[in-house]
PDB file of N, CA and C in Angstrom:
ATOM      1  N   MET A   1       0.842  -1.170   0.000  1.00  0.00           N
ATOM      2  CA  MET A   1       0.000   0.000   0.000  1.00  0.00           C
ATOM      3  C   MET A   1       0.892   1.241   0.000  1.00  0.00           C
ATOM      4  N   VAL A   2       0.587   2.205  -0.841  1.00  0.00           N
ATOM      5  CA  VAL A   2       1.330   3.459  -0.892  1.00  0.00           C
ATOM      6  C   VAL A   2       0.453   4.535  -0.284  1.00  0.00           C
ATOM      7  N   SER A   3       1.019   5.265   0.688  1.00  0.00           N
ATOM      8  CA  SER A   3       0.266   6.317   1.368  1.00  0.00           C
ATOM      9  C   SER A   3       1.027   7.628   1.294  1.00  0.00           C
ATOM     10  N   ASP A   4       0.308   8.731   1.232  1.00  0.00           N
ATOM     11  CA  ASP A   4       0.911  10.057   1.299  1.00  0.00           C
ATOM     12  C   ASP A   4       1.132  10.392   2.767  1.00  0.00           C
ATOM     13  N   HIS A   5       2.378  10.454   3.180  1.00  0.00           N
ATOM     14  CA  HIS A   5       2.704  10.691   4.578  1.00  0.00           C
ATOM     15  C   HIS A   5       2.728  12.164   4.945  1.00  0.00           C
ATOM     16  N   GLY A   6       2.586  13.047   3.980  1.00  0.00           N
ATOM     17  CA  GLY A   6       2.634  14.472   4.292  1.00  0.00           C
ATOM     18  C   GLY A   6       4.043  14.864   4.715  1.00  0.00           C
ATOM     19  N   ASP A   7       4.196  15.385   5.898  1.00  0.00           N
ATOM     20  CA  ASP A   7       5.531  15.758   6.370  1.00  0.00           C
ATOM     21  C   ASP A   7       6.243  14.563   7.002  1.00  0.00           C
ATOM     22  N   TRP A   8       7.524  14.737   7.319  1.00  0.00           N
ATOM     23  CA  TRP A   8       8.352  13.653   7.846  1.00  0.00           C
ATOM     24  C   TRP A   8       7.816  13.112   9.165  1.00  0.00           C
ATOM     25  N   GLY A   9       7.315  13.965  10.048  1.00  0.00           N
ATOM     26  CA  GLY A   9       6.804  13.516  11.338  1.00  0.00           C
ATOM     27  C   GLY A   9       5.653  12.530  11.201  1.00  0.00           C
ATOM     28  N   ALA A  10       4.864  12.676  10.173  1.00  0.00           N
ATOM     29  CA  ALA A  10       3.740  11.771   9.955  1.00  0.00           C
ATOM     30  C   ALA A  10       4.220  10.375   9.563  1.00  0.00           C
ATOM     31  N   SER A  11       5.409  10.263   8.990  1.00  0.00           N
ATOM     32  CA  SER A  11       5.933   8.959   8.597  1.00  0.00           C
ATOM     33  C   SER A  11       6.062   8.034   9.799  1.00  0.00           C
ATOM     34  N   ILE A  12       6.439   8.588  10.923  1.00  0.00           N
ATOM     35  CA  ILE A  12       6.577   7.790  12.137  1.00  0.00           C
ATOM     36  C   ILE A  12       5.228   7.208  12.541  1.00  0.00           C
ATOM     37  N   ALA A  13       4.177   7.981  12.396  1.00  0.00           N
ATOM     38  CA  ALA A  13       2.835   7.489  12.724  1.00  0.00           C
ATOM     39  C   ALA A  13       2.451   6.332  11.816  1.00  0.00           C
ATOM     40  N   PHE A  14       2.765   6.413  10.521  1.00  0.00           N
ATOM     41  CA  PHE A  14       2.422   5.343   9.588  1.00  0.00           C
ATOM     42  C   PHE A  14       3.182   4.070   9.928  1.00  0.00           C
ATOM     43  N   ILE A  15       4.459   4.198  10.283  1.00  0.00           N
ATOM     44  CA  ILE A  15       5.261   3.032  10.660  1.00  0.00           C
ATOM     45  C   ILE A  15       4.717   2.416  11.943  1.00  0.00           C
ATOM     46  N   ALA A  16       4.456   3.244  12.943  1.00  0.00           N
ATOM     47  CA  ALA A  16       3.993   2.749  14.242  1.00  0.00           C
ATOM     48  C   ALA A  16       2.633   2.064  14.142  1.00  0.00           C
ATOM     49  N   VAL A  17       1.719   2.639  13.393  1.00  0.00           N
ATOM     50  CA  VAL A  17       0.375   2.065  13.273  1.00  0.00           C
ATOM     51  C   VAL A  17       0.427   0.743  12.507  1.00  0.00           C
ATOM     52  N   GLY A  18       1.259   0.661  11.473  1.00  0.00           N
ATOM     53  CA  GLY A  18       1.414  -0.588  10.740  1.00  0.00           C
ATOM     54  C   GLY A  18       1.967  -1.692  11.629  1.00  0.00           C
ATOM     55  N   GLN A  19       2.964  -1.366  12.423  1.00  0.00           N
ATOM     56  CA  GLN A  19       3.555  -2.339  13.349  1.00  0.00           C
ATOM     57  C   GLN A  19       2.549  -2.754  14.410  1.00  0.00           C
ATOM     58  N   PHE A  20       1.781  -1.802  14.909  1.00  0.00           N
ATOM     59  CA  PHE A  20       0.746  -2.080  15.905  1.00  0.00           C
ATOM     60  C   PHE A  20      -0.262  -3.089  15.358  1.00  0.00           C
ATOM     61  N   SER A  21      -0.691  -2.872  14.127  1.00  0.00           N
ATOM     62  CA  SER A  21      -1.655  -3.765  13.491  1.00  0.00           C
ATOM     63  C   SER A  21      -1.073  -5.169  13.341  1.00  0.00           C
ATOM     64  N   ASP A  22       0.178  -5.256  12.875  1.00  0.00           N
ATOM     65  CA  ASP A  22       0.834  -6.557  12.719  1.00  0.00           C
ATOM     66  C   ASP A  22       0.967  -7.273  14.062  1.00  0.00           C
ATOM     67  N   ASN A  23       1.385  -6.546  15.092  1.00  0.00           N
ATOM     68  CA  ASN A  23       1.574  -7.151  16.409  1.00  0.00           C
ATOM     69  C   ASN A  23       0.270  -7.686  16.977  1.00  0.00           C
ATOM     70  N   ARG A  24      -0.819  -6.967  16.785  1.00  0.00           N
ATOM     71  CA  ARG A  24      -2.127  -7.440  17.278  1.00  0.00           C
ATOM     72  C   ARG A  24      -2.539  -8.717  16.568  1.00  0.00           C
ATOM     73  N   CYS A  25      -2.265  -8.805  15.286  1.00  0.00           N
ATOM     74  CA  CYS A  25      -2.620 -10.000  14.518  1.00  0.00           C
ATOM     75  C   CYS A  25      -1.742 -11.183  14.938  1.00  0.00           C
ATOM     76  N   ILE A  26      -0.441 -10.964  15.053  1.00  0.00           N
ATOM     77  CA  ILE A  26       0.488 -12.028  15.459  1.00  0.00           C
ATOM     78  C   ILE A  26       0.146 -12.546  16.853  1.00  0.00           C
ATOM     79  N   SER A  27      -0.243 -11.629  17.749  1.00  0.00           N
ATOM     80  CA  SER A  27      -0.585 -12.003  19.127  1.00  0.00           C
ATOM     81  C   SER A  27      -1.988 -12.582  19.243  1.00  0.00           C
ATOM     82  N   LYS A  28      -2.689 -12.669  18.110  1.00  0.00           N
ATOM     83  CA  LYS A  28      -4.055 -13.199  18.046  1.00  0.00           C
ATOM     84  C   LYS A  28      -5.066 -12.366  18.835  1.00  0.00           C
ATOM     85  N   LEU A  29      -4.786 -11.066  18.992  1.00  0.00           N
ATOM     86  CA  LEU A  29      -5.752 -10.152  19.597  1.00  0.00           C
ATOM     87  C   LEU A  29      -6.841  -9.791  18.582  1.00  0.00           C
ATOM     88  N   ASP A  30      -6.478  -9.822  17.310  1.00  0.00           N
ATOM     89  CA  ASP A  30      -7.433  -9.631  16.215  1.00  0.00           C
ATOM     90  C   ASP A  30      -7.391 -10.901  15.375  1.00  0.00           C
ATOM     91  N   LYS A  31      -8.541 -11.385  14.920  1.00  0.00           N
ATOM     92  CA  LYS A  31      -8.590 -12.623  14.135  1.00  0.00           C
ATOM     93  C   LYS A  31      -7.968 -12.456  12.754  1.00  0.00           C
ATOM     94  N   GLN A  32      -7.999 -11.243  12.232  1.00  0.00           N
ATOM     95  CA  GLN A  32      -7.346 -10.934  10.968  1.00  0.00           C
ATOM     96  C   GLN A  32      -6.695  -9.569  11.089  1.00  0.00           C
ATOM     97  N   ARG A  33      -5.782  -9.267  10.159  1.00  0.00           N
ATOM     98  CA  ARG A  33      -5.088  -7.979  10.224  1.00  0.00           C
ATOM     99  C   ARG A  33      -6.080  -6.862   9.948  1.00  0.00           C
ATOM    100  N   ILE A  34      -6.155  -5.915  10.866  1.00  0.00           N
ATOM    101  CA  ILE A  34      -7.037  -4.755  10.736  1.00  0.00           C
ATOM    102  C   ILE A  34      -6.179  -3.543  10.404  1.00  0.00           C
ATOM    103  N   THR A  35      -6.622  -2.742   9.463  1.00  0.00           N
ATOM    104  CA  THR A  35      -5.909  -1.521   9.122  1.00  0.00           C
ATOM    105  C   THR A  35      -6.420  -0.403  10.017  1.00  0.00           C
ATOM    106  N   TYR A  36      -5.579   0.045  10.921  1.00  0.00           N
ATOM    107  CA  TYR A  36      -5.936   1.137  11.821  1.00  0.00           C
ATOM    108  C   TYR A  36      -5.605   2.475  11.161  1.00  0.00           C
ATOM    109  N   SER A  37      -6.204   3.542  11.638  1.00  0.00           N
ATOM    110  CA  SER A  37      -6.079   4.852  11.020  1.00  0.00           C
ATOM    111  C   SER A  37      -4.860   5.621  11.526  1.00  0.00           C
ATOM    112  N   GLU A  38      -3.926   5.901  10.621  1.00  0.00           N
ATOM    113  CA  GLU A  38      -2.784   6.741  10.959  1.00  0.00           C
ATOM    114  C   GLU A  38      -3.235   8.167  11.238  1.00  0.00           C
ATOM    115  N   GLN A  39      -4.228   8.615  10.498  1.00  0.00           N
ATOM    116  CA  GLN A  39      -4.720   9.987  10.657  1.00  0.00           C
ATOM    117  C   GLN A  39      -5.262  10.220  12.052  1.00  0.00           C
ATOM    118  N   TYR A  40      -5.924   9.232  12.603  1.00  0.00           N
ATOM    119  CA  TYR A  40      -6.441   9.363  13.969  1.00  0.00           C
ATOM    120  C   TYR A  40      -5.306   9.604  14.962  1.00  0.00           C
ATOM    121  N   GLN A  41      -4.191   8.921  14.754  1.00  0.00           N
ATOM    122  CA  GLN A  41      -3.046   9.056  15.654  1.00  0.00           C
ATOM    123  C   GLN A  41      -2.412  10.448  15.570  1.00  0.00           C
ATOM    124  N   ILE A  42      -2.387  11.045  14.378  1.00  0.00           N
ATOM    125  CA  ILE A  42      -1.663  12.327  14.221  1.00  0.00           C
ATOM    126  C   ILE A  42      -2.560  13.555  14.286  1.00  0.00           C
ATOM    127  N   SER A  43      -3.856  13.353  14.299  1.00  0.00           N
ATOM    128  CA  SER A  43      -4.766  14.509  14.365  1.00  0.00           C
ATOM    129  C   SER A  43      -4.640  15.230  15.706  1.00  0.00           C
ATOM    130  N   CYS A  44      -4.705  16.539  15.655  1.00  0.00           N
ATOM    131  CA  CYS A  44      -4.571  17.356  16.866  1.00  0.00           C
ATOM    132  C   CYS A  44      -5.902  17.586  17.576  1.00  0.00           C
ATOM    133  N   ASP A  45      -7.017  17.252  16.948  1.00  0.00           N
ATOM    134  CA  ASP A  45      -8.305  17.582  17.520  1.00  0.00           C
ATOM    135  C   ASP A  45      -9.046  16.364  18.080  1.00  0.00           C
ATOM    136  N   ASN A  46      -8.327  15.336  18.492  1.00  0.00           N
ATOM    137  CA  ASN A  46      -8.953  14.143  19.081  1.00  0.00           C
ATOM    138  C   ASN A  46      -9.305  14.395  20.524  1.00  0.00           C
TER     139      ASN A  46
END
């Protein structure tokens, strides 16, 4: 998947969220890999 990361700081959010999703699947916390929202992590108005 190719995503527009915007500025460099947002790249860290994309890496972290992807790893988080993989770890949850490997640990069997999720039955299948779920794509979590990077935008939710970097938004300032949450």
